[in-house]
Amino acid sequence: MHETAAAAGAVDLNLLLLDDTPVAFIYGYHYRGYVYGLRRGYDEGRSRDGAGNVLLAYTLRDSFARGDRVYDMGVGSYPSKRHFQTRLIPILRYSHYSPSVRARKCCD
């Protein structure tokens, strides 16, 4: 997926450096004003003082400054996102399986 997104110019990669050393990252995809944050993290050994939140604040600021309309922070880690979110929207997920995959009854 990354190779295709990179070729299309759709990678949204943010990196926070401290003394020229990476301390936090945010990785996602953007397309037509919509950004989906896929992964984020920080180096606990280098910073426990909010480096991840600092990078998220800058990432959101820069995203909307370039005209993005939606920044989807993805699922999970809700406590770390609560100060930045404007709303929580339930999602539905559909899966398609090849006809060669047989359904099994999982529970009796």
N, C-alpha and C. Protein backbone atom coordinates (compact mmCIF):
# COMPACT_ATOMS: atom_id res chain seq x y z
N MET A 1 0.82 -1.18 0.00
CA MET A 1 0.00 0.00 0.00
C MET A 1 0.87 1.26 0.00
N HIS A 2 1.95 1.22 0.77
CA HIS A 2 2.80 2.41 0.86
C HIS A 2 3.36 2.79 -0.51
N GLU A 3 3.81 1.81 -1.27
CA GLU A 3 4.41 2.08 -2.58
C GLU A 3 3.40 2.77 -3.51
N THR A 4 2.17 2.30 -3.49
CA THR A 4 1.13 2.89 -4.33
C THR A 4 0.80 4.31 -3.86
N ALA A 5 0.66 4.49 -2.55
CA ALA A 5 0.36 5.82 -2.01
C ALA A 5 1.50 6.80 -2.29
N ALA A 6 2.73 6.34 -2.15
CA ALA A 6 3.88 7.21 -2.42
C ALA A 6 3.92 7.62 -3.88
N ALA A 7 3.67 6.67 -4.77
CA ALA A 7 3.68 6.97 -6.20
C ALA A 7 2.59 7.98 -6.57
N ALA A 8 1.46 7.94 -5.83
CA ALA A 8 0.36 8.85 -6.10
C ALA A 8 0.51 10.19 -5.35
N GLY A 9 1.57 10.31 -4.56
CA GLY A 9 1.76 11.53 -3.78
C GLY A 9 0.79 11.65 -2.61
N ALA A 10 0.32 10.52 -2.11
CA ALA A 10 -0.72 10.52 -1.08
C ALA A 10 -0.21 10.19 0.32
N VAL A 11 1.10 10.10 0.51
CA VAL A 11 1.64 9.81 1.84
C VAL A 11 1.68 11.10 2.65
N ASP A 12 1.21 11.03 3.87
CA ASP A 12 1.27 12.14 4.80
C ASP A 12 2.20 11.70 5.94
N LEU A 13 3.46 12.14 5.89
CA LEU A 13 4.47 11.71 6.85
C LEU A 13 4.98 12.92 7.61
N ASN A 14 4.92 12.83 8.93
CA ASN A 14 5.35 13.92 9.80
C ASN A 14 6.35 13.38 10.79
N LEU A 15 7.43 14.12 11.00
CA LEU A 15 8.51 13.68 11.87
C LEU A 15 8.96 14.84 12.74
N LEU A 16 9.05 14.60 14.04
CA LEU A 16 9.54 15.62 14.97
C LEU A 16 10.95 15.24 15.38
N LEU A 17 11.87 16.19 15.20
CA LEU A 17 13.27 15.96 15.52
C LEU A 17 13.66 16.75 16.77
N LEU A 18 14.51 16.16 17.58
CA LEU A 18 15.10 16.83 18.73
C LEU A 18 16.60 16.63 18.62
N ASP A 19 17.35 17.72 18.46
CA ASP A 19 18.80 17.63 18.23
C ASP A 19 19.12 16.71 17.05
N ASP A 20 18.38 16.88 15.95
CA ASP A 20 18.55 16.11 14.72
C ASP A 20 18.26 14.62 14.88
N THR A 21 17.57 14.23 15.94
CA THR A 21 17.20 12.83 16.16
C THR A 21 15.68 12.72 16.20
N PRO A 22 15.10 11.78 15.45
CA PRO A 22 13.64 11.62 15.46
C PRO A 22 13.14 11.23 16.86
N VAL A 23 12.10 11.92 17.33
CA VAL A 23 11.51 11.58 18.62
C VAL A 23 10.02 11.23 18.50
N ALA A 24 9.38 11.60 17.39
CA ALA A 24 7.97 11.25 17.18
C ALA A 24 7.66 11.23 15.69
N PHE A 25 6.67 10.40 15.32
CA PHE A 25 6.26 10.34 13.92
C PHE A 25 4.75 10.19 13.84
N ILE A 26 4.20 10.63 12.72
CA ILE A 26 2.80 10.38 12.36
C ILE A 26 2.79 10.02 10.89
N TYR A 27 2.16 8.90 10.57
CA TYR A 27 2.13 8.39 9.20
C TYR A 27 0.68 8.17 8.78
N GLY A 28 0.33 8.66 7.62
CA GLY A 28 -1.02 8.45 7.12
C GLY A 28 -1.10 8.69 5.62
N TYR A 29 -2.31 8.75 5.13
CA TYR A 29 -2.57 8.98 3.71
C TYR A 29 -3.50 10.17 3.56
N HIS A 30 -3.32 10.93 2.49
CA HIS A 30 -4.23 12.03 2.21
C HIS A 30 -4.68 11.97 0.76
N TYR A 31 -5.94 12.39 0.56
CA TYR A 31 -6.51 12.40 -0.79
C TYR A 31 -7.67 13.38 -0.81
N ARG A 32 -7.58 14.35 -1.67
CA ARG A 32 -8.65 15.33 -1.90
C ARG A 32 -9.23 15.91 -0.62
N GLY A 33 -8.37 16.39 0.24
CA GLY A 33 -8.83 17.07 1.45
C GLY A 33 -9.18 16.17 2.61
N TYR A 34 -8.94 14.88 2.46
CA TYR A 34 -9.24 13.92 3.53
C TYR A 34 -7.92 13.26 3.93
N VAL A 35 -7.62 13.28 5.22
CA VAL A 35 -6.40 12.64 5.72
C VAL A 35 -6.80 11.54 6.69
N TYR A 36 -6.20 10.37 6.51
CA TYR A 36 -6.41 9.25 7.42
C TYR A 36 -5.10 8.96 8.13
N GLY A 37 -5.06 9.22 9.43
CA GLY A 37 -3.87 8.94 10.23
C GLY A 37 -3.78 7.45 10.53
N LEU A 38 -2.76 6.82 10.02
CA LEU A 38 -2.65 5.36 10.14
C LEU A 38 -1.85 4.94 11.37
N ARG A 39 -0.70 5.51 11.57
CA ARG A 39 0.17 5.15 12.70
C ARG A 39 0.81 6.40 13.27
N ARG A 40 1.07 6.36 14.57
CA ARG A 40 1.84 7.42 15.20
C ARG A 40 2.53 6.86 16.42
N GLY A 41 3.62 7.48 16.79
CA GLY A 41 4.36 7.00 17.94
C GLY A 41 5.47 7.96 18.31
N TYR A 42 6.12 7.65 19.42
CA TYR A 42 7.23 8.48 19.88
C TYR A 42 8.25 7.61 20.60
N ASP A 43 9.43 8.13 20.73
CA ASP A 43 10.54 7.42 21.37
C ASP A 43 10.49 7.73 22.87
N GLU A 44 10.05 6.77 23.68
CA GLU A 44 9.93 6.98 25.12
C GLU A 44 11.28 7.27 25.77
N GLY A 45 12.34 6.73 25.20
CA GLY A 45 13.66 6.96 25.75
C GLY A 45 14.16 8.39 25.55
N ARG A 46 13.64 9.07 24.55
CA ARG A 46 14.09 10.44 24.24
C ARG A 46 13.14 11.50 24.79
N SER A 47 11.86 11.17 24.89
CA SER A 47 10.92 12.20 25.34
C SER A 47 9.68 11.57 25.95
N ARG A 48 9.37 11.97 27.16
CA ARG A 48 8.11 11.59 27.80
C ARG A 48 7.28 12.83 28.11
N ASP A 49 7.67 13.94 27.55
CA ASP A 49 7.04 15.21 27.87
C ASP A 49 6.08 15.70 26.78
N GLY A 50 5.43 14.78 26.09
CA GLY A 50 4.41 15.19 25.14
C GLY A 50 4.87 15.40 23.71
N ALA A 51 6.00 14.80 23.31
CA ALA A 51 6.48 14.97 21.94
C ALA A 51 5.43 14.52 20.93
N GLY A 52 4.74 13.43 21.21
CA GLY A 52 3.70 12.95 20.30
C GLY A 52 2.56 13.94 20.16
N ASN A 53 2.15 14.55 21.26
CA ASN A 53 1.07 15.55 21.21
C ASN A 53 1.51 16.83 20.51
N VAL A 54 2.75 17.21 20.72
CA VAL A 54 3.28 18.39 20.02
C VAL A 54 3.24 18.15 18.52
N LEU A 55 3.70 16.97 18.09
CA LEU A 55 3.69 16.66 16.66
C LEU A 55 2.27 16.59 16.12
N LEU A 56 1.35 16.01 16.88
CA LEU A 56 -0.05 15.95 16.42
C LEU A 56 -0.62 17.35 16.25
N ALA A 57 -0.34 18.25 17.18
CA ALA A 57 -0.83 19.63 17.06
C ALA A 57 -0.29 20.30 15.81
N TYR A 58 1.00 20.15 15.54
CA TYR A 58 1.59 20.73 14.33
C TYR A 58 1.04 20.06 13.07
N THR A 59 0.85 18.76 13.12
CA THR A 59 0.32 18.03 11.96
C THR A 59 -1.08 18.51 11.62
N LEU A 60 -1.93 18.65 12.62
CA LEU A 60 -3.29 19.14 12.38
C LEU A 60 -3.28 20.57 11.85
N ARG A 61 -2.47 21.42 12.44
CA ARG A 61 -2.37 22.81 11.99
C ARG A 61 -1.95 22.87 10.52
N ASP A 62 -0.91 22.12 10.17
CA ASP A 62 -0.41 22.13 8.80
C ASP A 62 -1.41 21.52 7.82
N SER A 63 -2.11 20.48 8.26
CA SER A 63 -3.10 19.82 7.40
C SER A 63 -4.20 20.80 7.01
N PHE A 64 -4.74 21.50 7.97
CA PHE A 64 -5.83 22.42 7.66
C PHE A 64 -5.34 23.68 6.98
N ALA A 65 -4.09 24.07 7.24
CA ALA A 65 -3.51 25.22 6.53
C ALA A 65 -3.39 24.93 5.03
N ARG A 66 -3.18 23.67 4.66
CA ARG A 66 -3.08 23.34 3.24
C ARG A 66 -4.44 23.07 2.61
N GLY A 67 -5.51 23.14 3.42
CA GLY A 67 -6.85 23.03 2.87
C GLY A 67 -7.57 21.72 3.11
N ASP A 68 -7.00 20.82 3.89
CA ASP A 68 -7.69 19.56 4.18
C ASP A 68 -8.96 19.86 4.97
N ARG A 69 -10.03 19.12 4.66
CA ARG A 69 -11.31 19.32 5.32
C ARG A 69 -11.53 18.36 6.48
N VAL A 70 -10.96 17.17 6.38
CA VAL A 70 -11.16 16.14 7.42
C VAL A 70 -9.81 15.52 7.75
N TYR A 71 -9.54 15.39 9.03
CA TYR A 71 -8.38 14.64 9.50
C TYR A 71 -8.91 13.55 10.41
N ASP A 72 -8.93 12.34 9.89
CA ASP A 72 -9.41 11.17 10.62
C ASP A 72 -8.23 10.58 11.38
N MET A 73 -8.28 10.62 12.71
CA MET A 73 -7.16 10.12 13.51
C MET A 73 -7.17 8.61 13.66
N GLY A 74 -8.13 7.95 13.05
CA GLY A 74 -8.16 6.48 13.09
C GLY A 74 -8.73 5.95 14.39
N VAL A 75 -8.74 4.63 14.48
CA VAL A 75 -9.32 3.96 15.65
C VAL A 75 -8.28 3.77 16.73
N GLY A 76 -8.76 3.60 17.95
CA GLY A 76 -7.88 3.30 19.07
C GLY A 76 -7.22 4.52 19.69
N SER A 77 -6.62 4.32 20.85
CA SER A 77 -5.88 5.35 21.60
C SER A 77 -6.72 6.61 21.83
N TYR A 78 -7.99 6.42 22.15
CA TYR A 78 -8.88 7.57 22.31
C TYR A 78 -8.43 8.56 23.38
N PRO A 79 -7.91 8.12 24.53
CA PRO A 79 -7.48 9.11 25.53
C PRO A 79 -6.43 10.09 25.00
N SER A 80 -5.54 9.63 24.16
CA SER A 80 -4.50 10.53 23.65
C SER A 80 -5.01 11.46 22.56
N LYS A 81 -6.19 11.19 22.03
CA LYS A 81 -6.75 12.01 20.95
C LYS A 81 -7.84 12.97 21.44
N ARG A 82 -8.32 12.77 22.66
CA ARG A 82 -9.51 13.49 23.13
C ARG A 82 -9.37 15.01 23.13
N HIS A 83 -8.18 15.52 23.33
CA HIS A 83 -7.99 16.97 23.35
C HIS A 83 -7.95 17.58 21.95
N PHE A 84 -7.84 16.75 20.94
CA PHE A 84 -7.73 17.23 19.57
C PHE A 84 -8.97 16.96 18.73
N GLN A 85 -9.81 16.05 19.16
CA GLN A 85 -10.95 15.67 18.33
C GLN A 85 -12.11 16.63 18.48
N THR A 86 -12.86 16.78 17.40
CA THR A 86 -14.07 17.60 17.45
C THR A 86 -15.30 16.72 17.57
N ARG A 87 -15.19 15.48 17.14
CA ARG A 87 -16.32 14.54 17.27
C ARG A 87 -15.81 13.12 17.06
N LEU A 88 -16.62 12.19 17.52
CA LEU A 88 -16.34 10.77 17.36
C LEU A 88 -17.47 10.20 16.52
N ILE A 89 -17.12 9.65 15.37
CA ILE A 89 -18.13 9.16 14.43
C ILE A 89 -18.03 7.64 14.35
N PRO A 90 -19.14 6.93 14.64
CA PRO A 90 -19.11 5.47 14.50
C PRO A 90 -18.94 5.08 13.03
N ILE A 91 -18.21 4.02 12.79
CA ILE A 91 -18.01 3.55 11.42
C ILE A 91 -18.57 2.15 11.27
N LEU A 92 -18.87 1.82 10.05
CA LEU A 92 -19.28 0.46 9.70
C LEU A 92 -18.19 -0.12 8.82
N ARG A 93 -17.97 -1.39 8.97
CA ARG A 93 -16.94 -2.03 8.18
C ARG A 93 -17.53 -3.24 7.47
N TYR A 94 -17.34 -3.31 6.18
CA TYR A 94 -17.80 -4.44 5.38
C TYR A 94 -16.59 -5.18 4.86
N SER A 95 -16.69 -6.49 4.83
CA SER A 95 -15.60 -7.31 4.31
C SER A 95 -16.11 -8.16 3.15
N HIS A 96 -15.29 -8.29 2.15
CA HIS A 96 -15.63 -9.12 1.00
C HIS A 96 -14.64 -10.26 0.92
N TYR A 97 -15.14 -11.45 0.80
CA TYR A 97 -14.28 -12.62 0.71
C TYR A 97 -14.49 -13.30 -0.63
N SER A 98 -13.44 -13.85 -1.14
CA SER A 98 -13.51 -14.60 -2.38
C SER A 98 -14.48 -15.77 -2.22
N PRO A 99 -15.21 -16.13 -3.29
CA PRO A 99 -16.12 -17.27 -3.21
C PRO A 99 -15.39 -18.57 -2.82
N SER A 100 -14.08 -18.61 -2.99
CA SER A 100 -13.34 -19.83 -2.64
C SER A 100 -13.17 -19.98 -1.12
N VAL A 101 -13.46 -18.91 -0.38
CA VAL A 101 -13.36 -18.99 1.07
C VAL A 101 -14.71 -19.45 1.61
N ARG A 102 -14.70 -20.53 2.36
CA ARG A 102 -15.95 -21.05 2.88
C ARG A 102 -16.22 -20.51 4.28
N ALA A 103 -17.45 -20.16 4.52
CA ALA A 103 -17.83 -19.71 5.87
C ALA A 103 -17.90 -20.90 6.80
N ARG A 104 -17.46 -20.69 8.02
CA ARG A 104 -17.55 -21.74 9.02
C ARG A 104 -18.34 -21.20 10.20
N LYS A 105 -19.06 -22.09 10.81
CA LYS A 105 -19.76 -21.72 12.02
C LYS A 105 -18.75 -21.71 13.15
N CYS A 106 -18.61 -20.58 13.83
CA CYS A 106 -17.55 -20.47 14.81
C CYS A 106 -17.97 -20.91 16.20
N CYS A 107 -19.24 -20.75 16.51
CA CYS A 107 -19.63 -21.00 17.90
C CYS A 107 -20.92 -21.82 17.94
N ASP A 108 -20.96 -22.81 18.79
CA ASP A 108 -22.19 -23.62 18.94
C ASP A 108 -22.82 -23.35 20.28
